[in-house]
Each structure stands twice: as C-alpha cells, then as structure tokens.
Amino acid sequence: ERARYDNYRVYRVTASNAKELAILKTMEDTSDALIFIEGVHSVNRDIEVVVAPHKIPDFLKAMGDNEIDYVLLENNLQAQLDDEDKEQIKGRAGGYDWTAYQTLDDTYNWLISLTRLYPGVVTLIEGGKTYEKRSILGIKISYNNGNAQKPGIFIEAGIHAREWIAPATTTYIINQLLTSEDAALQDLAKNYDWYFFPHANPDGYVYTHTTNRMWRKTRQPHGICYGADPNRNWDSYWGTVGISNNPCSETYAGPKAFSEIETKSLSNYI
C-alpha cells in the first residue's frame, strides 16, 4: 500500500542564527514525523519541512519558543500529490516527453531507443548496479568529428529519489543535444563526449513511484531502517558535514564510505 500524506502540512522555515540552525538540525536528525526537503546547512536559507498531523502542535510550539521564522505553504500534502498523479497519467499517455515525470522503465526504454535512432553517436553505458539488482543505465553521446581527444562532460541525476525534476532535466538536456537546430547547442554536442546517467538511485526512484513519494535514500537495509543518503556516501570528506549517524535519518551517510553499491559501482565506472 502506498504511503499517504493526508493532512500533512508543509512549512518554510528559516534559521537566522547558529542557535536556531542547531535546533533545526536536531529536529532533522531525531524526528521521523518531520521530513526536511532541504538539508539543514546554513543560516538565512529557506528550508521546506513536511510535518505529520500529530506533530504539528509540537512543531509550532518549538518554532515559537525558539523564535524561528516559519510560513505555512501547504495544508494537505496528499492533495498536492494526488494532483501530481493525475498529471502523470495524463502526460504519459502521449508517449515519452517532458509534460510528465516518467517511470524508470520508460526512461530506460527511451535511452535504448536513442541508440537505434542515432547509431554511431549514442552508446548505451552501465554505470553500476543497485542493491535490488537494477542497472544504473546511461548513454554516451560522441560525434566522430576528427577530434580524438575531446574533453568529456559527466552528468548524473536522481541521487535523491524523490527529486524527480533532476532526471527530467537530464533527459531534456539529452534530447536538446541530439535534436536542437541551434548552432550553439550543436557545437556543444559535437565538441565534447557526454556521459549521462539520469538515475543514480534507481531503487529509490522506483520506490517513490510504487510505495512512498517522499522517499529519498537507497533501499539497502541498515539494522531496522532502510537506505543511506547516497549523496553523502562517497569517499570524499565522508562523514564530515551535513550528515547523520542515525540509520533511520534521511541524511544517514552509511556505516562507511561507499557502503552503498550504487555509489561504489558508479565511482568505479567514473
């Protein structure tokens, strides 16, 4: 059964000093009734927070007691998600385009179709595997224009599962590079080797479609909780900033760097 967010509210909060920021960070790390859409990293930065109905009184009291500025953005998150579902069904009926968010299978099938439409230019590539045995599928775009040592540009998206706009933006860029008649875009397409992975976290993305629209992490179990934040799991300053050591937290960095097969295998590809 899909998770529902009936009467969940969405607030925008802003910490104006380090003390307020620390309070929000503690709330982010310890409460599973609060979903922080953006990470709690800096003062004077707007952060959207989804608040469960039973948590609303405590949340508002904490904001008031600590003089943290907040604004109500949405009274019932589920109504917004229902509208989104209707738009997806209507948009996908017309085939693969950018009027709706596509499923993982639809995007993978579209990438495969590009290799047939642009032979010798588009090559299917695999960036790695996932915990649930899916491929991290992508494409390479390379025009043979006599420049053997072209610089490469690497673009991955969707590392946070619920951020659907990122894979959609990436596939839009792919389409523009292959179809645009704009001279500047054609120049970009032909003078670089492009590597695209629209979904760096396929398991999480599928889970947002089938079970929980607000899911963010991978799907590997860690104790009684599931997933790590793959954006915080790379072996580069691992565990130093913006992370949680709580496996149930959305910013859990994993028990060690590259504990998630998604980040380890994609790193090996790079």
Protein backbone atom coordinates (compact mmCIF):
# COMPACT_ATOMS: atom_id res chain seq x y z
CA GLU A 1 0.00 0.00 0.00
CA ARG A 2 1.32 3.40 -0.92
CA ALA A 3 2.17 5.81 1.87
CA ARG A 4 -0.29 8.67 2.17
CA TYR A 5 0.25 12.17 3.48
CA ASP A 6 -3.29 13.23 4.35
CA ASN A 7 -3.29 16.46 6.36
CA TYR A 8 0.48 16.63 6.45
CA ARG A 9 1.45 20.29 6.32
CA VAL A 10 4.39 21.88 4.53
CA TYR A 11 6.14 24.81 6.20
CA ARG A 12 9.01 27.02 5.10
CA VAL A 13 11.39 27.71 7.99
CA THR A 14 14.42 29.98 8.14
CA ALA A 15 17.14 29.93 10.80
CA SER A 16 18.54 33.41 11.37
CA ASN A 17 21.48 32.39 13.56
CA ALA A 18 23.62 29.40 14.55
CA LYS A 19 21.48 28.55 17.59
CA GLU A 20 18.30 28.30 15.53
CA LEU A 21 20.15 26.28 12.91
CA ALA A 22 21.31 23.80 15.58
CA ILE A 23 17.73 23.37 16.78
CA LEU A 24 16.52 22.58 13.25
CA LYS A 25 19.43 20.17 12.77
CA THR A 26 18.47 18.32 15.94
CA MET A 27 14.88 18.10 14.76
CA GLU A 28 16.03 16.80 11.38
CA ASP A 29 18.14 14.06 12.97
CA THR A 30 15.73 12.83 15.64
CA SER A 31 12.13 13.06 14.41
CA ASP A 32 10.65 10.67 11.86
CA ALA A 33 7.48 12.81 11.84
CA LEU A 34 9.36 15.64 10.11
CA ILE A 35 10.68 15.47 6.55
CA PHE A 36 13.21 18.17 5.73
CA ILE A 37 13.11 18.64 1.96
CA GLU A 38 16.37 20.58 2.00
CA GLY A 39 19.33 19.83 4.23
CA VAL A 40 19.91 21.99 7.31
CA HIS A 41 23.26 23.54 6.42
CA SER A 42 23.31 27.34 6.71
CA VAL A 43 21.56 30.33 8.25
CA ASN A 44 19.20 32.60 6.32
CA ARG A 45 18.34 29.79 3.93
CA ASP A 46 14.73 28.78 3.35
CA ILE A 47 14.02 25.13 4.17
CA GLU A 48 10.77 23.32 3.45
CA VAL A 49 9.60 20.87 6.11
CA VAL A 50 6.79 18.32 5.86
CA VAL A 51 5.08 17.90 9.25
CA ALA A 52 2.90 14.93 10.23
CA PRO A 53 -0.54 15.87 11.66
CA HIS A 54 0.20 14.62 15.18
CA LYS A 55 3.46 16.59 15.23
CA ILE A 56 2.02 19.97 14.20
CA PRO A 57 1.35 21.34 17.74
CA ASP A 58 4.85 20.40 18.96
CA PHE A 59 6.45 21.76 15.79
CA LEU A 60 4.67 25.11 16.03
CA LYS A 61 5.49 25.39 19.74
CA ALA A 62 9.18 24.71 19.01
CA MET A 63 9.18 27.38 16.31
CA GLY A 64 7.53 29.87 18.61
CA ASP A 65 9.64 29.11 21.70
CA ASN A 66 12.84 29.45 19.70
CA GLU A 67 11.66 32.42 17.59
CA ILE A 68 12.33 30.60 14.31
CA ASP A 69 10.55 32.21 11.36
CA TYR A 70 8.09 29.95 9.55
CA VAL A 71 5.39 30.20 6.86
CA LEU A 72 2.65 27.67 6.06
CA LEU A 73 2.89 26.62 2.39
CA GLU A 74 0.50 23.67 2.16
CA ASN A 75 -2.31 22.41 4.40
CA ASN A 76 -2.67 18.94 2.90
CA LEU A 77 0.32 17.47 1.08
CA GLN A 78 -1.70 14.48 -0.14
CA ALA A 79 -3.96 16.73 -2.23
CA GLN A 80 -0.85 18.05 -4.00
CA LEU A 81 0.43 14.51 -4.57
CA ASP A 82 -2.96 13.40 -5.93
CA ASP A 83 -2.88 16.26 -8.43
CA GLU A 84 0.63 15.22 -9.42
CA ASP A 85 -0.53 11.63 -10.03
CA LYS A 86 -3.32 12.83 -12.31
CA GLU A 87 -0.87 14.93 -14.31
CA GLN A 88 1.50 11.96 -14.69
CA ILE A 89 -1.22 9.67 -16.01
CA LYS A 90 -2.43 12.30 -18.46
CA GLY A 91 1.07 13.31 -19.56
CA ARG A 92 2.47 9.80 -20.10
CA ALA A 93 -0.46 8.83 -22.33
CA GLY A 94 1.16 10.82 -25.14
CA GLY A 95 4.45 8.90 -25.10
CA TYR A 96 7.88 9.97 -23.85
CA ASP A 97 8.09 13.73 -23.47
CA TRP A 98 8.52 16.39 -20.79
CA THR A 99 4.89 17.11 -19.91
CA ALA A 100 5.00 14.45 -17.18
CA TYR A 101 7.52 12.68 -14.96
CA GLN A 102 8.46 9.33 -16.45
CA THR A 103 8.92 5.96 -14.75
CA LEU A 104 12.34 4.32 -14.58
CA ASP A 105 11.40 1.73 -17.21
CA ASP A 106 10.07 4.41 -19.56
CA THR A 107 13.31 6.37 -19.32
CA TYR A 108 15.49 3.28 -19.74
CA ASN A 109 13.50 2.20 -22.81
CA TRP A 110 13.84 5.72 -24.22
CA LEU A 111 17.63 5.65 -23.73
CA ILE A 112 17.80 2.29 -25.51
CA SER A 113 15.72 3.68 -28.39
CA LEU A 114 18.22 6.52 -28.85
CA THR A 115 20.97 4.01 -29.70
CA ARG A 116 18.84 2.88 -32.66
CA LEU A 117 17.90 6.39 -33.73
CA TYR A 118 21.49 7.69 -33.57
CA PRO A 119 23.81 4.77 -34.38
CA GLY A 120 27.48 5.61 -34.07
CA VAL A 121 26.61 8.65 -31.93
CA VAL A 122 24.69 7.29 -28.94
CA THR A 123 26.08 4.32 -27.00
CA LEU A 124 24.39 2.59 -24.09
CA ILE A 125 26.54 2.52 -20.94
CA GLU A 126 26.13 0.97 -17.49
CA GLY A 127 27.42 2.96 -14.55
CA GLY A 128 26.93 0.27 -11.97
CA LYS A 129 24.41 -1.85 -10.10
CA THR A 130 21.94 -1.29 -7.27
CA TYR A 131 21.13 -3.20 -4.09
CA GLU A 132 17.97 -4.54 -5.76
CA LYS A 133 20.00 -5.69 -8.80
CA ARG A 134 18.97 -2.91 -11.18
CA SER A 135 21.37 -1.34 -13.68
CA ILE A 136 22.43 2.27 -13.39
CA LEU A 137 21.84 2.80 -17.08
CA GLY A 138 23.02 5.75 -19.13
CA ILE A 139 24.20 6.83 -22.54
CA LYS A 140 27.33 8.31 -24.07
CA ILE A 141 26.92 10.89 -26.83
CA SER A 142 30.00 11.23 -29.03
CA TYR A 143 30.25 12.60 -32.55
CA ASN A 144 33.24 11.43 -34.56
CA ASN A 145 34.39 14.78 -35.90
CA GLY A 146 38.09 14.05 -36.08
CA ASN A 147 38.90 15.36 -32.61
CA ALA A 148 40.15 12.24 -30.88
CA GLN A 149 40.91 13.93 -27.58
CA LYS A 150 37.64 15.69 -26.87
CA PRO A 151 37.02 16.63 -23.24
CA GLY A 152 34.25 14.71 -21.51
CA ILE A 153 31.29 16.01 -19.51
CA PHE A 154 29.71 13.71 -16.92
CA ILE A 155 26.16 14.34 -15.68
CA GLU A 156 24.33 12.22 -13.12
CA ALA A 157 20.94 12.95 -11.61
CA GLY A 158 18.34 11.48 -9.31
CA ILE A 159 20.73 10.62 -6.49
CA HIS A 160 17.91 11.68 -4.12
CA ALA A 161 14.98 9.53 -5.18
CA ARG A 162 12.12 11.98 -4.65
CA GLU A 163 13.72 14.84 -6.60
CA TRP A 164 12.02 13.90 -9.86
CA ILE A 165 12.88 17.18 -11.58
CA ALA A 166 16.57 16.20 -11.82
CA PRO A 167 16.18 13.10 -14.06
CA ALA A 168 13.62 15.01 -16.15
CA THR A 169 16.08 17.87 -16.62
CA THR A 170 18.84 15.46 -17.59
CA THR A 171 16.76 13.68 -20.24
CA TYR A 172 15.67 17.08 -21.55
CA ILE A 173 19.34 18.05 -21.99
CA ILE A 174 19.97 14.78 -23.82
CA ASN A 175 17.09 15.47 -26.17
CA GLN A 176 18.27 19.00 -26.84
CA LEU A 177 21.82 17.90 -27.65
CA LEU A 178 20.52 15.35 -30.15
CA THR A 179 17.67 17.26 -31.79
CA SER A 180 18.23 21.02 -31.46
CA GLU A 181 18.95 23.02 -34.59
CA ASP A 182 20.53 25.78 -32.54
CA ALA A 183 24.15 26.21 -33.69
CA ALA A 184 25.48 26.77 -30.18
CA LEU A 185 23.88 23.56 -28.90
CA GLN A 186 25.13 21.60 -31.90
CA ASP A 187 28.62 22.89 -31.17
CA LEU A 188 28.34 21.70 -27.56
CA ALA A 189 27.08 18.30 -28.67
CA LYS A 190 29.83 17.70 -31.21
CA ASN A 191 32.87 19.05 -29.39
CA TYR A 192 32.53 17.11 -26.15
CA ASP A 193 31.96 13.50 -25.17
CA TRP A 194 28.85 13.41 -22.97
CA TYR A 195 28.09 10.82 -20.30
CA PHE A 196 24.57 10.86 -18.87
CA PHE A 197 23.06 8.87 -16.00
CA PRO A 198 19.54 10.18 -15.36
CA HIS A 199 19.02 7.85 -12.37
CA ALA A 200 21.91 7.40 -9.95
CA ASN A 201 19.50 5.87 -7.40
CA PRO A 202 17.12 3.65 -9.41
CA ASP A 203 15.85 1.59 -6.45
CA GLY A 204 14.82 4.70 -4.57
CA TYR A 205 13.18 6.23 -7.64
CA VAL A 206 11.05 3.12 -8.24
CA TYR A 207 10.08 3.16 -4.56
CA THR A 208 8.83 6.75 -4.90
CA HIS A 209 6.50 5.59 -7.67
CA THR A 210 5.25 2.38 -6.04
CA THR A 211 5.27 2.98 -2.30
CA ASN A 212 6.36 6.34 -0.86
CA ARG A 213 6.55 9.51 -2.94
CA MET A 214 8.71 11.23 -0.31
CA TRP A 215 11.44 8.55 -0.15
CA ARG A 216 14.95 9.96 -0.56
CA LYS A 217 17.59 7.29 0.18
CA THR A 218 18.76 3.97 -1.25
CA ARG A 219 16.96 0.74 -0.29
CA GLN A 220 19.68 -1.33 1.39
CA PRO A 221 18.73 -2.23 4.99
CA HIS A 222 20.80 -0.89 7.86
CA GLY A 223 19.52 -2.52 11.03
CA ILE A 224 15.79 -1.89 11.39
CA CYS A 225 15.85 1.01 8.92
CA TYR A 226 16.41 1.21 5.19
CA GLY A 227 18.75 3.12 2.97
CA ALA A 228 21.53 5.65 3.20
CA ASP A 229 21.75 9.08 1.60
CA PRO A 230 23.86 8.29 -1.48
CA ASN A 231 24.85 11.93 -1.89
CA ARG A 232 26.65 11.63 1.47
CA ASN A 233 28.12 8.16 0.93
CA TRP A 234 31.03 8.95 -1.41
CA ASP A 235 34.63 8.62 -0.24
CA SER A 236 35.24 12.36 -0.30
CA TYR A 237 35.14 14.13 3.07
CA TRP A 238 32.84 11.31 4.16
CA GLY A 239 31.03 11.89 7.43
CA THR A 240 32.25 15.46 7.92
CA VAL A 241 29.29 17.77 7.28
CA GLY A 242 25.51 17.69 6.82
CA ILE A 243 25.17 14.05 7.85
CA SER A 244 23.53 11.88 10.48
CA ASN A 245 24.83 8.70 12.11
CA ASN A 246 21.26 7.52 12.69
CA PRO A 247 20.33 4.81 10.13
CA CYS A 248 16.71 5.99 10.24
CA SER A 249 17.63 9.57 9.31
CA GLU A 250 17.23 10.88 5.77
CA THR A 251 20.80 12.20 5.90
CA TYR A 252 22.35 8.95 7.14
CA ALA A 253 25.73 8.72 5.44
CA GLY A 254 26.01 4.95 5.78
CA PRO A 255 28.25 2.96 8.15
CA LYS A 256 31.27 3.80 6.00
CA ALA A 257 32.17 5.48 2.72
CA PHE A 258 30.91 3.51 -0.29
CA SER A 259 28.78 1.23 1.87
CA GLU A 260 26.11 1.56 -0.85
CA ILE A 261 26.71 -0.41 -4.03
CA GLU A 262 25.23 2.46 -6.07
CA THR A 263 27.94 4.92 -5.11
CA LYS A 264 30.76 2.35 -5.13
CA SER A 265 29.96 0.91 -8.56
CA LEU A 266 29.28 4.33 -10.13
CA SER A 267 32.59 5.54 -8.69
CA ASN A 268 34.34 2.56 -10.27
CA TYR A 269 32.80 3.47 -13.63
CA ILE A 270 33.97 7.06 -13.38
